[in-house]
Amino acid sequence: MEQPTEVTRQIGYTSVFSRNRASQARTLVNVGGAGSSKSHSIAQLLIEKFITERDKQFIIARKTMPALRRSAYALIIDLMKEYGVYSFVEHNKTDNVLYLPQQNNAMWFFGIDEPS
């Protein structure tokens, strides 16, 4: 696997991203209608933490895996590709896990209806 190099990219973000990023709260609830950028902004923040922090386990869950696969899972992977970081990620498609060995991070995706 190729080693990451520092690359500067201009990435647009919303005030939702900024507020989530600045928050020191242990629990943060985002409320808004369709198109309010909740999912996109949270995905951006998770990606930022995934690539900059170390030794973290991220868990993204939804009621069913098919619903998750069509939404947050696809969004995060698409954004990682757009930002040029997906090539540094080990993607276990069988277990729906993204690994970033350089940071010792993993991002797990699962449906809460799964018995395991």
C-alpha atoms as a PDB file:
ATOM      1  CA  MET A   1       0.000   0.000   0.000  1.00  0.00           C
ATOM      2  CA  GLU A   2       1.282   3.409  -0.907  1.00  0.00           C
ATOM      3  CA  GLN A   3       2.143   5.735   1.961  1.00  0.00           C
ATOM      4  CA  PRO A   4       0.159   8.958   2.254  1.00  0.00           C
ATOM      5  CA  THR A   5       1.799  12.232   1.427  1.00  0.00           C
ATOM      6  CA  GLU A   6       0.601  15.578   2.621  1.00  0.00           C
ATOM      7  CA  VAL A   7      -1.755  17.117   0.099  1.00  0.00           C
ATOM      8  CA  THR A   8      -3.668  20.347   0.497  1.00  0.00           C
ATOM      9  CA  ARG A   9      -7.176  20.392  -0.952  1.00  0.00           C
ATOM     10  CA  GLN A  10      -9.907  22.991  -0.768  1.00  0.00           C
ATOM     11  CA  ILE A  11     -13.033  21.231   0.471  1.00  0.00           C
ATOM     12  CA  GLY A  12     -16.313  23.052   0.901  1.00  0.00           C
ATOM     13  CA  TYR A  13     -18.206  22.703   4.152  1.00  0.00           C
ATOM     14  CA  THR A  14     -21.270  24.136   5.853  1.00  0.00           C
ATOM     15  CA  SER A  15     -21.935  25.802   9.177  1.00  0.00           C
ATOM     16  CA  VAL A  16     -23.324  22.428  10.348  1.00  0.00           C
ATOM     17  CA  PHE A  17     -19.844  20.944   9.893  1.00  0.00           C
ATOM     18  CA  SER A  18     -18.250  23.909  11.668  1.00  0.00           C
ATOM     19  CA  ARG A  19     -20.603  23.695  14.659  1.00  0.00           C
ATOM     20  CA  ASN A  20     -20.141  19.924  14.979  1.00  0.00           C
ATOM     21  CA  ARG A  21     -16.375  20.296  14.716  1.00  0.00           C
ATOM     22  CA  ALA A  22     -16.245  23.048  17.350  1.00  0.00           C
ATOM     23  CA  SER A  23     -18.521  21.282  19.820  1.00  0.00           C
ATOM     24  CA  GLN A  24     -17.002  19.927  23.031  1.00  0.00           C
ATOM     25  CA  ALA A  25     -20.207  18.091  23.977  1.00  0.00           C
ATOM     26  CA  ARG A  26     -20.011  14.373  24.688  1.00  0.00           C
ATOM     27  CA  THR A  27     -23.273  13.810  22.812  1.00  0.00           C
ATOM     28  CA  LEU A  28     -24.311  15.899  19.862  1.00  0.00           C
ATOM     29  CA  VAL A  29     -27.727  15.751  18.181  1.00  0.00           C
ATOM     30  CA  ASN A  30     -28.218  17.202  14.701  1.00  0.00           C
ATOM     31  CA  VAL A  31     -31.778  18.158  13.772  1.00  0.00           C
ATOM     32  CA  GLY A  32     -32.956  19.390  10.413  1.00  0.00           C
ATOM     33  CA  GLY A  33     -34.976  18.571   7.367  1.00  0.00           C
ATOM     34  CA  ALA A  34     -33.954  16.912   4.132  1.00  0.00           C
ATOM     35  CA  GLY A  35     -31.204  18.896   2.475  1.00  0.00           C
ATOM     36  CA  SER A  36     -29.968  20.514   5.700  1.00  0.00           C
ATOM     37  CA  SER A  37     -26.490  18.928   5.209  1.00  0.00           C
ATOM     38  CA  LYS A  38     -26.640  16.805   8.395  1.00  0.00           C
ATOM     39  CA  SER A  39     -25.443  13.568   6.772  1.00  0.00           C
ATOM     40  CA  HIS A  40     -22.874  15.236   4.540  1.00  0.00           C
ATOM     41  CA  SER A  41     -21.431  17.364   7.343  1.00  0.00           C
ATOM     42  CA  ILE A  42     -21.246  14.465   9.800  1.00  0.00           C
ATOM     43  CA  ALA A  43     -19.609  12.282   7.141  1.00  0.00           C
ATOM     44  CA  GLN A  44     -17.014  15.001   6.518  1.00  0.00           C
ATOM     45  CA  LEU A  45     -16.280  15.259  10.238  1.00  0.00           C
ATOM     46  CA  LEU A  46     -15.951  11.485  10.633  1.00  0.00           C
ATOM     47  CA  ILE A  47     -13.552  11.353   7.687  1.00  0.00           C
ATOM     48  CA  GLU A  48     -11.479  14.192   9.131  1.00  0.00           C
ATOM     49  CA  LYS A  49     -11.219  12.410  12.484  1.00  0.00           C
ATOM     50  CA  PHE A  50     -10.550   9.076  10.757  1.00  0.00           C
ATOM     51  CA  ILE A  51      -7.517  10.440   8.917  1.00  0.00           C
ATOM     52  CA  THR A  52      -6.121  12.795  11.582  1.00  0.00           C
ATOM     53  CA  GLU A  53      -6.653  11.024  14.916  1.00  0.00           C
ATOM     54  CA  ARG A  54      -5.029   7.778  16.038  1.00  0.00           C
ATOM     55  CA  ASP A  55      -6.177   4.529  17.635  1.00  0.00           C
ATOM     56  CA  LYS A  56      -9.909   5.119  17.110  1.00  0.00           C
ATOM     57  CA  GLN A  57     -12.833   2.801  16.402  1.00  0.00           C
ATOM     58  CA  PHE A  58     -15.720   4.486  14.578  1.00  0.00           C
ATOM     59  CA  ILE A  59     -19.113   2.754  14.532  1.00  0.00           C
ATOM     60  CA  ILE A  60     -21.790   3.834  12.092  1.00  0.00           C
ATOM     61  CA  ALA A  61     -25.106   2.031  12.481  1.00  0.00           C
ATOM     62  CA  ARG A  62     -28.578   2.187  11.037  1.00  0.00           C
ATOM     63  CA  LYS A  63     -31.651   0.028  11.498  1.00  0.00           C
ATOM     64  CA  THR A  64     -30.764  -2.231   8.554  1.00  0.00           C
ATOM     65  CA  MET A  65     -27.556  -2.802   6.632  1.00  0.00           C
ATOM     66  CA  PRO A  66     -29.268  -2.297   3.243  1.00  0.00           C
ATOM     67  CA  ALA A  67     -30.465   1.146   4.385  1.00  0.00           C
ATOM     68  CA  LEU A  68     -27.000   1.988   5.695  1.00  0.00           C
ATOM     69  CA  ARG A  69     -25.292   0.764   2.524  1.00  0.00           C
ATOM     70  CA  ARG A  70     -27.467   3.104   0.426  1.00  0.00           C
ATOM     71  CA  SER A  71     -26.853   6.098   2.680  1.00  0.00           C
ATOM     72  CA  ALA A  72     -23.959   6.783   5.075  1.00  0.00           C
ATOM     73  CA  TYR A  73     -21.746   3.910   3.879  1.00  0.00           C
ATOM     74  CA  ALA A  74     -21.952   5.042   0.243  1.00  0.00           C
ATOM     75  CA  LEU A  75     -21.606   8.715   1.210  1.00  0.00           C
ATOM     76  CA  ILE A  76     -18.445   8.193   3.281  1.00  0.00           C
ATOM     77  CA  ILE A  77     -16.785   6.053   0.621  1.00  0.00           C
ATOM     78  CA  ASP A  78     -17.724   8.524  -2.134  1.00  0.00           C
ATOM     79  CA  LEU A  79     -16.359  11.458  -0.116  1.00  0.00           C
ATOM     80  CA  MET A  80     -13.140   9.586   0.671  1.00  0.00           C
ATOM     81  CA  LYS A  81     -12.680   8.993  -3.064  1.00  0.00           C
ATOM     82  CA  GLU A  82     -13.467  12.634  -3.856  1.00  0.00           C
ATOM     83  CA  TYR A  83     -10.961  13.824  -1.231  1.00  0.00           C
ATOM     84  CA  GLY A  84      -8.247  11.447  -2.464  1.00  0.00           C
ATOM     85  CA  VAL A  85      -7.914   9.438   0.770  1.00  0.00           C
ATOM     86  CA  TYR A  86      -9.720   6.225  -0.201  1.00  0.00           C
ATOM     87  CA  SER A  87      -6.557   4.797  -1.785  1.00  0.00           C
ATOM     88  CA  PHE A  88      -4.928   4.762   1.676  1.00  0.00           C
ATOM     89  CA  VAL A  89      -7.803   2.820   3.212  1.00  0.00           C
ATOM     90  CA  GLU A  90      -8.069  -0.965   3.433  1.00  0.00           C
ATOM     91  CA  HIS A  91     -11.709  -1.731   2.630  1.00  0.00           C
ATOM     92  CA  ASN A  92     -13.054  -5.049   3.887  1.00  0.00           C
ATOM     93  CA  LYS A  93     -16.255  -5.233   1.862  1.00  0.00           C
ATOM     94  CA  THR A  94     -17.312  -8.546   3.411  1.00  0.00           C
ATOM     95  CA  ASP A  95     -17.376  -7.138   6.945  1.00  0.00           C
ATOM     96  CA  ASN A  96     -18.172  -3.536   5.925  1.00  0.00           C
ATOM     97  CA  VAL A  97     -15.080  -2.145   7.626  1.00  0.00           C
ATOM     98  CA  LEU A  98     -12.652   0.562   6.547  1.00  0.00           C
ATOM     99  CA  TYR A  99      -9.152   0.378   8.040  1.00  0.00           C
ATOM    100  CA  LEU A 100      -6.542   3.099   8.041  1.00  0.00           C
ATOM    101  CA  PRO A 101      -3.400   1.270   9.173  1.00  0.00           C
ATOM    102  CA  GLN A 102      -1.267   4.433   9.313  1.00  0.00           C
ATOM    103  CA  GLN A 103      -3.500   5.784  12.086  1.00  0.00           C
ATOM    104  CA  ASN A 104      -4.545   2.416  13.538  1.00  0.00           C
ATOM    105  CA  ASN A 105      -8.186   3.366  12.929  1.00  0.00           C
ATOM    106  CA  ALA A 106     -11.203   1.344  11.870  1.00  0.00           C
ATOM    107  CA  MET A 107     -14.644   2.462  10.741  1.00  0.00           C
ATOM    108  CA  TRP A 108     -17.326  -0.216  11.212  1.00  0.00           C
ATOM    109  CA  PHE A 109     -20.711  -0.146   9.469  1.00  0.00           C
ATOM    110  CA  PHE A 110     -23.565  -2.383  10.578  1.00  0.00           C
ATOM    111  CA  GLY A 111     -27.314  -2.693  10.803  1.00  0.00           C
ATOM    112  CA  ILE A 112     -28.648  -2.829  14.349  1.00  0.00           C
ATOM    113  CA  ASP A 113     -31.024  -5.585  13.268  1.00  0.00           C
ATOM    114  CA  GLU A 114     -28.039  -7.926  12.718  1.00  0.00           C
ATOM    115  CA  PRO A 115     -27.955 -10.650  15.393  1.00  0.00           C
ATOM    116  CA  SER A 116     -24.158 -10.604  15.636  1.00  0.00           C
END
